[in-house]
Amino acid sequence: MHFDPAIAALQAFQRAGKQEEFGDFEEDIIEAEETFSSDAGPEAKAAYQRLQDLGEKLPAAKTFQEFLIYITWQQVTEETIPQHFQKGVALCEQFLKRFGKDLTDTETHDQIQSIYASFKAGLGETDNPVPEYDEDAFQGGD
């Protein structure tokens, strides 16, 4: 990936708020995001799950759905387990299916494609490995 998913998540969250995508769930979403961003361990994990649950109730909230993809990568870095990679793949596929044709922001499209490839590579589901994985794999000396 050629971008920082944590920064992209923050930017997407701010855009989603400005675009009033949170609807009736605004208070819950803001509270869960604050917990996710500032805590670690079980509290952050619960906040992540709460955000994902709220995302299921807002499938048309494009920028919020983008945010959910980026924070799923953050979960991968916190807890590298197949479930997080699988969730990331599913979120990317849903996002691209719903919004891919209408994306006028090519940076967003490129970032989603890039993170999608990374999620898939994490599951070993790619014919073309993501370069970062090859460059970092078993270099030794760390």
Protein backbone atom coordinates (compact mmCIF):
# COMPACT_ATOMS: atom_id res chain seq x y z
CA MET A 1 0.00 0.00 0.00
CA HIS A 2 1.18 3.46 -0.79
CA PHE A 3 -0.91 5.23 1.85
CA ASP A 4 -1.43 5.09 5.60
CA PRO A 5 -4.77 3.42 6.42
CA ALA A 6 -4.92 5.12 9.84
CA ILE A 7 -4.70 8.57 8.26
CA ALA A 8 -7.12 7.55 5.51
CA ALA A 9 -9.55 6.31 8.19
CA LEU A 10 -9.43 9.64 10.03
CA GLN A 11 -9.98 11.58 6.81
CA ALA A 12 -12.86 9.33 5.74
CA PHE A 13 -14.48 9.59 9.18
CA GLN A 14 -14.29 13.39 9.06
CA ARG A 15 -15.75 13.48 5.53
CA ALA A 16 -18.56 11.09 6.53
CA GLY A 17 -19.47 13.37 9.43
CA LYS A 18 -19.49 16.47 7.23
CA GLN A 19 -21.64 14.63 4.69
CA GLU A 20 -24.06 13.70 7.50
CA GLU A 21 -23.81 10.00 6.72
CA PHE A 22 -24.23 8.89 10.34
CA GLY A 23 -27.94 9.65 10.48
CA ASP A 24 -29.68 8.59 13.68
CA PHE A 25 -26.54 6.76 14.79
CA GLU A 26 -24.30 9.82 14.97
CA GLU A 27 -23.85 9.81 18.75
CA ASP A 28 -23.14 6.08 18.86
CA ILE A 29 -20.70 6.26 15.96
CA ILE A 30 -18.77 9.20 17.39
CA GLU A 31 -18.55 7.56 20.80
CA ALA A 32 -17.41 4.23 19.33
CA GLU A 33 -14.82 5.92 17.11
CA GLU A 34 -13.42 7.89 20.04
CA THR A 35 -13.05 4.67 22.04
CA PHE A 36 -11.54 2.84 19.09
CA SER A 37 -9.02 5.63 18.45
CA SER A 38 -7.96 6.19 22.02
CA ASP A 39 -8.08 2.79 23.72
CA ALA A 40 -6.44 -0.55 23.20
CA GLY A 41 -7.31 -4.11 24.04
CA PRO A 42 -10.87 -5.27 24.72
CA GLU A 43 -12.35 -1.75 24.73
CA ALA A 44 -10.99 -0.93 21.29
CA LYS A 45 -12.04 -4.33 19.97
CA ALA A 46 -15.58 -3.82 21.26
CA ALA A 47 -15.68 -0.32 19.72
CA TYR A 48 -14.46 -1.73 16.40
CA GLN A 49 -17.23 -4.32 16.45
CA ARG A 50 -19.79 -1.65 17.34
CA LEU A 51 -18.67 0.45 14.37
CA GLN A 52 -18.97 -2.57 12.07
CA ASP A 53 -22.46 -3.31 13.43
CA LEU A 54 -23.53 0.29 12.81
CA GLY A 55 -22.02 0.10 9.33
CA GLU A 56 -24.35 -2.77 8.51
CA LYS A 57 -27.25 -0.44 9.29
CA LEU A 58 -25.85 2.24 6.96
CA PRO A 59 -24.97 0.37 3.75
CA ALA A 60 -25.46 3.45 1.56
CA ALA A 61 -23.09 5.62 3.61
CA LYS A 62 -20.20 5.45 1.14
CA THR A 63 -17.58 7.37 3.09
CA PHE A 64 -18.45 5.63 6.36
CA GLN A 65 -18.10 2.27 4.58
CA GLU A 66 -14.69 3.42 3.33
CA PHE A 67 -13.75 4.27 6.94
CA LEU A 68 -14.76 0.76 8.05
CA ILE A 69 -12.39 -0.77 5.50
CA TYR A 70 -9.46 1.28 6.75
CA ILE A 71 -10.09 0.49 10.42
CA THR A 72 -10.29 -3.18 9.54
CA TRP A 73 -6.68 -2.91 8.36
CA GLN A 74 -5.86 -1.38 11.74
CA GLN A 75 -7.43 -4.47 13.33
CA VAL A 76 -5.21 -6.66 11.15
CA THR A 77 -2.16 -4.89 12.51
CA GLU A 78 -3.39 -5.25 16.10
CA GLU A 79 -4.47 -8.87 15.81
CA THR A 80 -3.26 -10.68 12.71
CA ILE A 81 -5.88 -13.37 12.35
CA PRO A 82 -7.68 -14.68 9.26
CA GLN A 83 -11.06 -13.28 10.39
CA HIS A 84 -9.83 -9.71 10.05
CA PHE A 85 -8.41 -10.35 6.58
CA GLN A 86 -11.67 -12.05 5.59
CA LYS A 87 -13.72 -9.15 6.93
CA GLY A 88 -11.54 -6.73 4.97
CA VAL A 89 -12.00 -8.69 1.75
CA ALA A 90 -15.77 -8.77 2.26
CA LEU A 91 -15.96 -5.04 3.03
CA CYS A 92 -13.88 -4.15 -0.03
CA GLU A 93 -15.97 -6.36 -2.30
CA GLN A 94 -19.21 -4.85 -0.99
CA PHE A 95 -17.82 -1.33 -1.33
CA LEU A 96 -16.63 -1.85 -4.90
CA LYS A 97 -19.89 -3.54 -5.87
CA ARG A 98 -21.99 -0.71 -4.43
CA PHE A 99 -19.85 2.31 -5.24
CA GLY A 100 -17.13 1.29 -7.70
CA LYS A 101 -18.90 2.56 -10.81
CA ASP A 102 -19.73 5.89 -9.23
CA LEU A 103 -16.35 6.70 -7.70
CA THR A 104 -15.21 10.00 -9.03
CA ASP A 105 -12.40 10.19 -6.47
CA THR A 106 -9.75 8.02 -8.10
CA GLU A 107 -7.58 8.24 -4.99
CA THR A 108 -10.31 6.48 -2.98
CA HIS A 109 -10.72 3.86 -5.68
CA ASP A 110 -6.97 3.28 -5.83
CA GLN A 111 -6.71 3.03 -2.06
CA ILE A 112 -9.58 0.56 -1.80
CA GLN A 113 -8.07 -1.56 -4.60
CA SER A 114 -4.69 -1.47 -2.87
CA ILE A 115 -6.00 -2.43 0.55
CA TYR A 116 -8.20 -5.09 -1.04
CA ALA A 117 -5.11 -6.65 -2.62
CA SER A 118 -3.38 -6.54 0.77
CA PHE A 119 -6.28 -8.24 2.53
CA LYS A 120 -6.32 -10.95 -0.14
CA ALA A 121 -2.55 -11.37 0.01
CA GLY A 122 -2.82 -11.82 3.76
CA LEU A 123 -5.08 -14.79 3.06
CA GLY A 124 -2.77 -16.11 0.34
CA GLU A 125 -5.47 -15.45 -2.28
CA THR A 126 -3.50 -13.67 -4.94
CA ASP A 127 -1.61 -14.57 -8.06
CA ASN A 128 0.37 -11.36 -7.92
CA PRO A 129 1.77 -10.83 -4.43
CA VAL A 130 1.70 -7.31 -3.09
CA PRO A 131 5.28 -5.96 -3.37
CA GLU A 132 5.47 -4.91 0.28
CA TYR A 133 5.01 -8.49 1.38
CA ASP A 134 7.77 -9.77 -0.87
CA GLU A 135 10.17 -7.00 0.14
CA ASP A 136 9.57 -7.52 3.86
CA ALA A 137 9.37 -11.30 3.92
CA PHE A 138 12.10 -13.04 5.86
CA GLN A 139 14.83 -10.46 5.36
CA GLY A 140 16.44 -11.33 8.64
CA GLY A 141 18.60 -9.08 10.72
CA ASP A 142 15.66 -7.68 12.67
